[in-house]
Amino acid sequence: MRHNLPPFLISSAQPMLLFALVSALPLVLLGLGIVFGGVWAMLPLVYMAILTGVLDQIIPFVVPDAPEGAEFPGSDALLVGLGLGHLLMLPMVVWAVAGPSGLGGWERAGLFVGAGLWFGQVSNPCAHELIHRGNRWMYRLGVVVYASVLFGHHASAHRLVHHVHAASPADPNTARAGEGFYRFALRAWGGSFRAGLGAENARRLGRRTRDVHPYAVYLGLSLAGLIAAALIAGIWGVAVWAALALQTQSQLLLADYVQHYGLMRRPLPDGRLEQVSDRHSWNAPHWFSSALMLNAPRHSDHHAHPNRPYPALRLPRADAAPRLPYALPLCCTLALSPRLWRRVMAPRLADWRRGTENRLVSTD
């Protein structure tokens, strides 16, 4: 393993500096693009779409696992900062793209795509981390971030359905082998909405609570966002807000699709499924996109330890958990072409299944 980064970025005492720099810098660039336009409006897109992929490839570095029991006092503060930054930036981008910002067409287009990529690849994992934190205010912030992109039900479906049923037919967000992304996305969106609603209804029935239903909160917050968009820039503001939400949701669904593609739990003799393990998520070791996405590519360890903070997530050995052929953002891009995705992944999935069967036989 080669460490080609400056020592201050690989010191075990300062891993948070890498997360903060990489994930928050595009937010600063978006602000500069909105204020100054011109080439500044294109820099967030260049950062998210080009620089991330280039640095992942030209610097063969894997961030070491944090020592067991290590503490990261700045990790929650970064999540809160990114979440609040998202809630501030979303209406600003809507105004810049659909409102009287004075920007030209190419500047508006660059900001729209660059912002959508940041919302999808940073706001998504930020909200995901927030809803897994024990602090109720952090959880609520995560809910608001998801609801702002019209995806509030994910706060229920992810915790109550996906983490329970991952790598099984009962999980709408687990992609079957050979299933194309677009078919998966339609099934996963509707399926997770219904499954999350059913799970919340079951919880409420057991507690006999009179509290406001979480789904009413999600829908109310989403409606408030669209009303804000209308106040900012009329019907075009609503259209741009909804389009940014669609772009953000698509990236979340792409990550789910890629990270669980074709991996299913075995049925046990008693009819139950084996427990979720490292074998049931695809991982990626690439340093820059991992920092950008708050270690979301270390997906196996998140399922094994849902409450483990993102800087402490571990990367399983390549023989213990499957690894994607490329960085997660690049794999998500490949998945937009189902035929190309199947061509890339079919032999890798077959090799992993064969190796898993051999390992299971050798341990029997």
Protein backbone atom coordinates (compact mmCIF):
# COMPACT_ATOMS: atom_id res chain seq x y z
CA MET A 1 0.00 0.00 0.00
CA ARG A 2 1.50 3.34 -1.00
CA HIS A 3 0.98 6.56 0.97
CA ASN A 4 1.48 9.38 -1.53
CA LEU A 5 -0.39 12.03 0.45
CA PRO A 6 1.17 14.77 2.60
CA PRO A 7 1.87 13.49 6.13
CA PHE A 8 -0.66 15.87 7.71
CA LEU A 9 -3.45 14.15 5.74
CA ILE A 10 -2.51 10.60 6.70
CA SER A 11 -1.79 11.25 10.36
CA SER A 12 -4.17 9.19 12.47
CA ALA A 13 -4.65 12.28 14.63
CA GLN A 14 -6.13 14.37 11.82
CA PRO A 15 -8.38 12.25 9.56
CA MET A 16 -11.17 14.81 9.96
CA LEU A 17 -9.14 17.41 8.10
CA LEU A 18 -9.32 15.29 4.95
CA PHE A 19 -13.09 14.78 5.26
CA ALA A 20 -13.70 18.48 5.91
CA LEU A 21 -11.51 19.76 3.09
CA VAL A 22 -12.74 17.39 0.43
CA SER A 23 -16.48 17.45 1.23
CA ALA A 24 -16.90 21.16 2.03
CA LEU A 25 -14.76 22.77 -0.67
CA PRO A 26 -17.40 22.32 -3.42
CA LEU A 27 -19.87 24.18 -1.18
CA VAL A 28 -17.49 27.13 -1.16
CA LEU A 29 -17.06 26.90 -4.93
CA LEU A 30 -20.83 26.88 -5.43
CA GLY A 31 -21.10 30.07 -3.41
CA LEU A 32 -18.36 31.72 -5.47
CA GLY A 33 -20.03 30.55 -8.69
CA ILE A 34 -23.35 32.09 -7.67
CA VAL A 35 -21.75 35.42 -6.71
CA PHE A 36 -19.18 35.84 -9.48
CA GLY A 37 -20.39 33.61 -12.32
CA GLY A 38 -18.02 33.02 -15.20
CA VAL A 39 -15.49 30.25 -14.76
CA TRP A 40 -16.38 30.08 -11.06
CA ALA A 41 -19.77 28.68 -12.03
CA MET A 42 -18.06 25.73 -13.70
CA LEU A 43 -15.58 24.90 -10.95
CA PRO A 44 -18.02 22.86 -8.79
CA LEU A 45 -18.82 20.69 -11.81
CA VAL A 46 -15.14 20.25 -12.64
CA TYR A 47 -14.40 19.36 -9.02
CA MET A 48 -17.21 16.81 -8.71
CA ALA A 49 -17.10 15.25 -12.18
CA ILE A 50 -13.41 15.38 -13.12
CA LEU A 51 -11.05 16.17 -10.24
CA THR A 52 -12.52 13.48 -7.97
CA GLY A 53 -12.03 10.75 -10.56
CA VAL A 54 -8.56 11.91 -11.54
CA LEU A 55 -7.25 12.07 -7.97
CA ASP A 56 -8.74 8.66 -7.18
CA GLN A 57 -6.80 7.17 -10.07
CA ILE A 58 -3.45 8.98 -10.04
CA ILE A 59 -2.86 8.69 -6.28
CA PRO A 60 -3.07 4.99 -5.29
CA PHE A 61 -3.80 5.61 -1.65
CA VAL A 62 -6.09 3.84 0.81
CA VAL A 63 -6.86 5.69 4.03
CA PRO A 64 -5.83 3.40 6.91
CA ASP A 65 -8.50 2.10 9.27
CA ALA A 66 -8.86 4.16 12.41
CA PRO A 67 -7.57 2.53 15.60
CA GLU A 68 -10.24 0.68 17.55
CA GLY A 69 -11.87 3.04 20.03
CA ALA A 70 -10.58 6.19 18.34
CA GLU A 71 -12.69 9.28 18.89
CA PHE A 72 -13.47 11.97 16.34
CA PRO A 73 -14.78 15.02 18.19
CA GLY A 74 -15.20 17.05 14.99
CA SER A 75 -17.18 14.44 13.06
CA ASP A 76 -20.64 15.49 14.25
CA ALA A 77 -19.82 19.17 13.80
CA LEU A 78 -18.89 18.53 10.17
CA LEU A 79 -22.18 16.70 9.59
CA VAL A 80 -24.17 19.57 11.06
CA GLY A 81 -22.18 22.11 9.02
CA LEU A 82 -22.71 20.19 5.78
CA GLY A 83 -26.41 19.67 6.52
CA LEU A 84 -26.97 23.36 7.22
CA GLY A 85 -24.85 24.22 4.19
CA HIS A 86 -27.12 22.08 2.05
CA LEU A 87 -30.25 23.81 3.36
CA LEU A 88 -28.70 27.21 2.61
CA MET A 89 -27.27 26.28 -0.79
CA LEU A 90 -30.35 24.60 -2.25
CA PRO A 91 -32.51 27.77 -2.40
CA MET A 92 -29.48 29.81 -3.48
CA VAL A 93 -28.88 27.50 -6.45
CA VAL A 94 -32.57 27.62 -7.35
CA TRP A 95 -32.39 31.42 -7.37
CA ALA A 96 -29.16 31.41 -9.41
CA VAL A 97 -30.52 28.97 -12.00
CA ALA A 98 -34.19 29.99 -12.24
CA GLY A 99 -34.25 33.51 -10.80
CA PRO A 100 -32.97 36.96 -11.81
CA SER A 101 -29.33 36.20 -11.03
CA GLY A 102 -27.98 37.71 -14.24
CA LEU A 103 -26.02 34.56 -15.06
CA GLY A 104 -25.76 33.29 -18.62
CA GLY A 105 -27.21 30.01 -19.84
CA TRP A 106 -23.97 28.02 -19.63
CA GLU A 107 -23.26 29.41 -16.15
CA ARG A 108 -26.71 28.37 -14.94
CA ALA A 109 -26.28 24.91 -16.49
CA GLY A 110 -22.87 24.45 -14.88
CA LEU A 111 -24.16 25.46 -11.46
CA PHE A 112 -27.20 23.22 -11.80
CA VAL A 113 -25.20 20.09 -12.61
CA GLY A 114 -22.38 20.84 -10.17
CA ALA A 115 -24.81 21.52 -7.33
CA GLY A 116 -26.82 18.40 -8.14
CA LEU A 117 -23.66 16.29 -7.97
CA TRP A 118 -22.73 17.79 -4.60
CA PHE A 119 -26.24 17.26 -3.23
CA GLY A 120 -26.17 13.67 -4.47
CA GLN A 121 -22.66 12.74 -3.36
CA VAL A 122 -22.24 14.81 -0.19
CA SER A 123 -25.67 15.86 1.09
CA ASN A 124 -26.95 12.29 0.71
CA PRO A 125 -24.25 10.60 2.81
CA CYS A 126 -24.38 13.52 5.26
CA ALA A 127 -28.13 13.04 5.82
CA HIS A 128 -27.55 9.29 6.00
CA GLU A 129 -25.05 9.76 8.81
CA LEU A 130 -27.31 12.22 10.60
CA ILE A 131 -30.27 9.82 10.75
CA HIS A 132 -27.99 7.18 12.29
CA ARG A 133 -26.76 9.44 15.08
CA GLY A 134 -28.36 9.07 18.51
CA ASN A 135 -28.88 12.80 18.98
CA ARG A 136 -32.51 13.64 18.11
CA TRP A 137 -31.63 17.09 16.76
CA MET A 138 -29.08 15.61 14.39
CA TYR A 139 -31.65 13.04 13.31
CA ARG A 140 -34.15 15.80 12.64
CA LEU A 141 -31.60 17.71 10.59
CA GLY A 142 -31.07 14.58 8.48
CA VAL A 143 -34.82 14.29 7.97
CA VAL A 144 -35.04 17.91 6.83
CA VAL A 145 -32.16 17.41 4.37
CA TYR A 146 -33.86 14.35 2.85
CA ALA A 147 -37.26 16.06 2.78
CA SER A 148 -35.76 19.11 1.07
CA VAL A 149 -34.98 16.89 -1.92
CA LEU A 150 -38.45 15.30 -1.74
CA PHE A 151 -37.11 12.03 -0.32
CA GLY A 152 -38.05 12.26 3.33
CA HIS A 153 -39.40 8.71 3.52
CA HIS A 154 -35.82 7.44 3.16
CA ALA A 155 -35.28 8.33 6.83
CA SER A 156 -37.78 5.60 7.72
CA ALA A 157 -37.18 3.12 4.90
CA HIS A 158 -33.41 3.06 5.28
CA ARG A 159 -33.35 2.37 9.03
CA LEU A 160 -36.45 0.21 9.39
CA VAL A 161 -36.41 -1.72 6.11
CA HIS A 162 -33.04 -1.64 4.37
CA HIS A 163 -30.95 -2.41 7.44
CA VAL A 164 -33.28 -5.24 8.39
CA HIS A 165 -33.78 -6.85 4.99
CA ALA A 166 -30.65 -5.89 3.00
CA ALA A 167 -29.45 -8.52 0.53
CA SER A 168 -32.85 -10.21 0.41
CA PRO A 169 -35.95 -10.02 -1.82
CA ALA A 170 -37.75 -8.20 1.02
CA ASP A 171 -35.52 -5.16 0.57
CA PRO A 172 -36.66 -2.84 -2.25
CA ASN A 173 -33.21 -1.23 -2.33
CA THR A 174 -31.25 -4.41 -3.08
CA ALA A 175 -30.67 -4.85 -6.82
CA ARG A 176 -30.98 -8.31 -8.33
CA ALA A 177 -28.26 -9.70 -10.58
CA GLY A 178 -29.00 -8.68 -14.17
CA GLU A 179 -31.53 -6.02 -13.14
CA GLY A 180 -30.94 -2.71 -14.93
CA PHE A 181 -30.74 0.50 -12.95
CA TYR A 182 -33.85 2.15 -14.39
CA ARG A 183 -36.09 -0.81 -13.60
CA PHE A 184 -34.51 -1.00 -10.15
CA ALA A 185 -35.01 2.73 -9.49
CA LEU A 186 -38.75 2.57 -10.18
CA ARG A 187 -39.14 -0.51 -8.00
CA ALA A 188 -36.93 0.84 -5.21
CA TRP A 189 -38.55 4.29 -4.98
CA GLY A 190 -42.11 3.03 -4.74
CA GLY A 191 -41.18 -0.07 -2.78
CA SER A 192 -39.19 1.81 -0.15
CA PHE A 193 -41.96 4.40 0.24
CA ARG A 194 -44.54 1.68 0.90
CA ALA A 195 -42.25 -0.48 3.05
CA GLY A 196 -41.17 2.48 5.16
CA LEU A 197 -44.79 3.52 5.63
CA GLY A 198 -45.73 0.00 6.68
CA ALA A 199 -42.86 -0.13 9.15
CA GLU A 200 -43.80 3.21 10.68
CA ASN A 201 -47.46 2.17 10.93
CA ALA A 202 -46.45 -1.03 12.71
CA ARG A 203 -44.32 0.91 15.19
CA ARG A 204 -47.12 3.35 15.90
CA LEU A 205 -49.60 0.52 16.42
CA GLY A 206 -47.29 -1.07 18.96
CA ARG A 207 -46.73 2.19 20.84
CA ARG A 208 -50.31 3.48 20.42
CA THR A 209 -48.89 6.97 20.00
CA ARG A 210 -50.79 10.10 19.01
CA ASP A 211 -47.68 11.88 17.71
CA VAL A 212 -47.69 13.30 14.20
CA HIS A 213 -47.02 10.53 11.68
CA PRO A 214 -43.46 10.73 10.32
CA TYR A 215 -44.75 10.54 6.76
CA ALA A 216 -46.92 13.62 7.39
CA VAL A 217 -43.74 15.38 8.51
CA TYR A 218 -41.84 14.26 5.40
CA LEU A 219 -44.57 15.37 3.03
CA GLY A 220 -45.12 18.65 4.88
CA LEU A 221 -41.44 19.54 4.75
CA SER A 222 -41.23 18.67 1.05
CA LEU A 223 -44.27 20.82 0.31
CA ALA A 224 -42.69 23.68 2.26
CA GLY A 225 -39.59 23.37 0.08
CA LEU A 226 -41.61 23.59 -3.13
CA ILE A 227 -43.51 26.60 -1.79
CA ALA A 228 -40.17 28.25 -1.02
CA ALA A 229 -39.06 27.51 -4.58
CA ALA A 230 -42.21 29.19 -5.93
CA LEU A 231 -41.56 32.25 -3.80
CA ILE A 232 -37.96 32.38 -5.01
CA ALA A 233 -38.54 32.07 -8.76
CA GLY A 234 -42.14 31.13 -9.53
CA ILE A 235 -42.96 28.07 -11.59
CA TRP A 236 -39.41 27.87 -12.90
CA GLY A 237 -38.14 27.82 -9.35
CA VAL A 238 -40.39 24.85 -8.58
CA ALA A 239 -39.18 23.10 -11.74
CA VAL A 240 -35.50 23.62 -10.89
CA TRP A 241 -36.00 22.57 -7.24
CA ALA A 242 -37.78 19.40 -8.38
CA ALA A 243 -35.10 18.70 -10.99
CA LEU A 244 -32.33 19.08 -8.42
CA ALA A 245 -34.28 16.75 -6.12
CA LEU A 246 -34.59 14.19 -8.92
CA GLN A 247 -30.86 14.39 -9.61
CA THR A 248 -30.12 13.92 -5.90
CA GLN A 249 -32.51 11.01 -5.51
CA SER A 250 -31.08 9.32 -8.60
CA GLN A 251 -27.60 9.38 -7.11
CA LEU A 252 -28.81 7.90 -3.84
CA LEU A 253 -30.58 5.11 -5.73
CA LEU A 254 -27.49 4.58 -7.90
CA ALA A 255 -25.37 4.14 -4.77
CA ASP A 256 -27.83 1.60 -3.35
CA TYR A 257 -27.97 -0.18 -6.69
CA VAL A 258 -24.20 -0.44 -7.07
CA GLN A 259 -23.36 -1.26 -3.46
CA HIS A 260 -25.72 -4.22 -3.18
CA TYR A 261 -25.87 -5.38 -6.80
CA GLY A 262 -26.48 -9.11 -7.09
CA LEU A 263 -25.50 -9.95 -3.49
CA MET A 264 -28.06 -12.07 -1.64
CA ARG A 265 -28.08 -13.80 1.74
CA ARG A 266 -28.31 -17.60 1.81
CA PRO A 267 -31.34 -19.31 3.37
CA LEU A 268 -30.50 -21.35 6.46
CA PRO A 269 -31.88 -24.85 7.20
CA ASP A 270 -34.52 -23.36 9.52
CA GLY A 271 -35.83 -21.16 6.70
CA ARG A 272 -34.36 -17.92 8.00
CA LEU A 273 -31.72 -15.95 6.10
CA GLU A 274 -28.12 -15.76 7.22
CA GLN A 275 -27.14 -12.54 8.96
CA VAL A 276 -25.96 -9.60 6.90
CA SER A 277 -22.17 -9.73 6.74
CA ASP A 278 -19.29 -8.09 4.91
CA ARG A 279 -20.03 -10.36 1.94
CA HIS A 280 -23.29 -8.56 1.18
CA SER A 281 -22.04 -5.12 0.13
CA TRP A 282 -19.65 -3.94 -2.56
CA ASN A 283 -16.90 -1.65 -1.28
CA ALA A 284 -14.40 0.74 -2.83
CA PRO A 285 -11.04 1.76 -1.35
CA HIS A 286 -10.41 4.97 -3.32
CA TRP A 287 -9.29 7.75 -0.99
CA PHE A 288 -10.65 10.96 -2.50
CA SER A 289 -14.19 9.83 -3.30
CA SER A 290 -14.33 8.11 0.10
CA ALA A 291 -13.47 11.40 1.80
CA LEU A 292 -15.95 13.26 -0.40
CA MET A 293 -18.75 10.80 0.41
CA LEU A 294 -17.93 10.52 4.13
CA ASN A 295 -16.70 6.92 3.80
CA ALA A 296 -19.95 5.74 2.19
CA PRO A 297 -17.93 3.38 -0.07
CA ARG A 298 -16.99 1.41 3.07
CA HIS A 299 -20.49 0.03 2.98
CA SER A 300 -19.97 -3.42 4.49
CA ASP A 301 -18.76 -2.04 7.80
CA HIS A 302 -21.68 0.39 7.95
CA HIS A 303 -24.12 -2.53 7.75
CA ALA A 304 -22.17 -4.42 10.38
CA HIS A 305 -22.02 -1.36 12.67
CA PRO A 306 -24.79 1.12 11.68
CA ASN A 307 -24.00 3.46 14.57
CA ARG A 308 -20.25 3.55 13.97
CA PRO A 309 -19.26 7.13 12.99
CA TYR A 310 -18.15 7.52 9.41
CA PRO A 311 -14.44 8.30 10.14
CA ALA A 312 -14.17 4.98 12.02
CA LEU A 313 -15.61 2.78 9.26
CA ARG A 314 -13.25 0.00 8.25
CA LEU A 315 -12.43 -1.41 4.84
CA PRO A 316 -12.71 -5.23 4.85
CA ARG A 317 -10.04 -7.31 3.18
CA ALA A 318 -10.61 -7.98 -0.51
CA ASP A 319 -11.15 -11.69 0.22
CA ALA A 320 -13.71 -10.93 2.95
CA ALA A 321 -15.94 -8.48 1.07
CA PRO A 322 -16.38 -7.79 -2.66
CA ARG A 323 -14.73 -4.71 -4.12
CA LEU A 324 -15.95 -2.62 -7.00
CA PRO A 325 -13.70 -2.44 -10.06
CA TYR A 326 -13.62 1.37 -9.93
CA ALA A 327 -14.41 4.17 -7.50
CA LEU A 328 -18.05 4.38 -6.43
CA PRO A 329 -18.94 7.56 -8.43
CA LEU A 330 -17.48 6.04 -11.59
CA CYS A 331 -19.35 2.78 -11.03
CA CYS A 332 -22.57 4.74 -10.57
CA THR A 333 -21.90 6.43 -13.91
CA LEU A 334 -21.35 3.05 -15.58
CA ALA A 335 -24.65 1.81 -14.12
CA LEU A 336 -26.50 4.42 -16.17
CA SER A 337 -25.80 2.11 -19.14
CA PRO A 338 -27.34 -1.24 -18.09
CA ARG A 339 -25.69 -3.17 -20.90
CA LEU A 340 -22.21 -1.81 -20.08
CA TRP A 341 -22.78 -2.32 -16.36
CA ARG A 342 -23.73 -5.97 -16.83
CA ARG A 343 -20.70 -6.52 -19.05
CA VAL A 344 -18.38 -5.09 -16.38
CA MET A 345 -19.99 -6.72 -13.36
CA ALA A 346 -21.13 -10.15 -14.56
CA PRO A 347 -17.67 -11.80 -14.44
CA ARG A 348 -16.81 -10.09 -11.15
CA LEU A 349 -20.06 -11.17 -9.53
CA ALA A 350 -19.57 -14.72 -10.81
CA ASP A 351 -15.99 -14.80 -9.47
CA TRP A 352 -17.12 -13.50 -6.08
CA ARG A 353 -19.94 -16.05 -5.82
CA ARG A 354 -17.57 -18.86 -6.78
CA GLY A 355 -15.02 -17.74 -4.23
CA THR A 356 -17.69 -17.41 -1.55
CA GLU A 357 -18.97 -20.93 -2.21
CA ASN A 358 -15.43 -22.30 -2.02
CA ARG A 359 -14.79 -20.52 1.27
CA LEU A 360 -18.06 -21.76 2.74
CA VAL A 361 -17.33 -25.35 1.67
CA SER A 362 -13.81 -25.17 3.17
CA THR A 363 -15.23 -24.05 6.54
CA ASP A 364 -17.94 -26.75 6.74
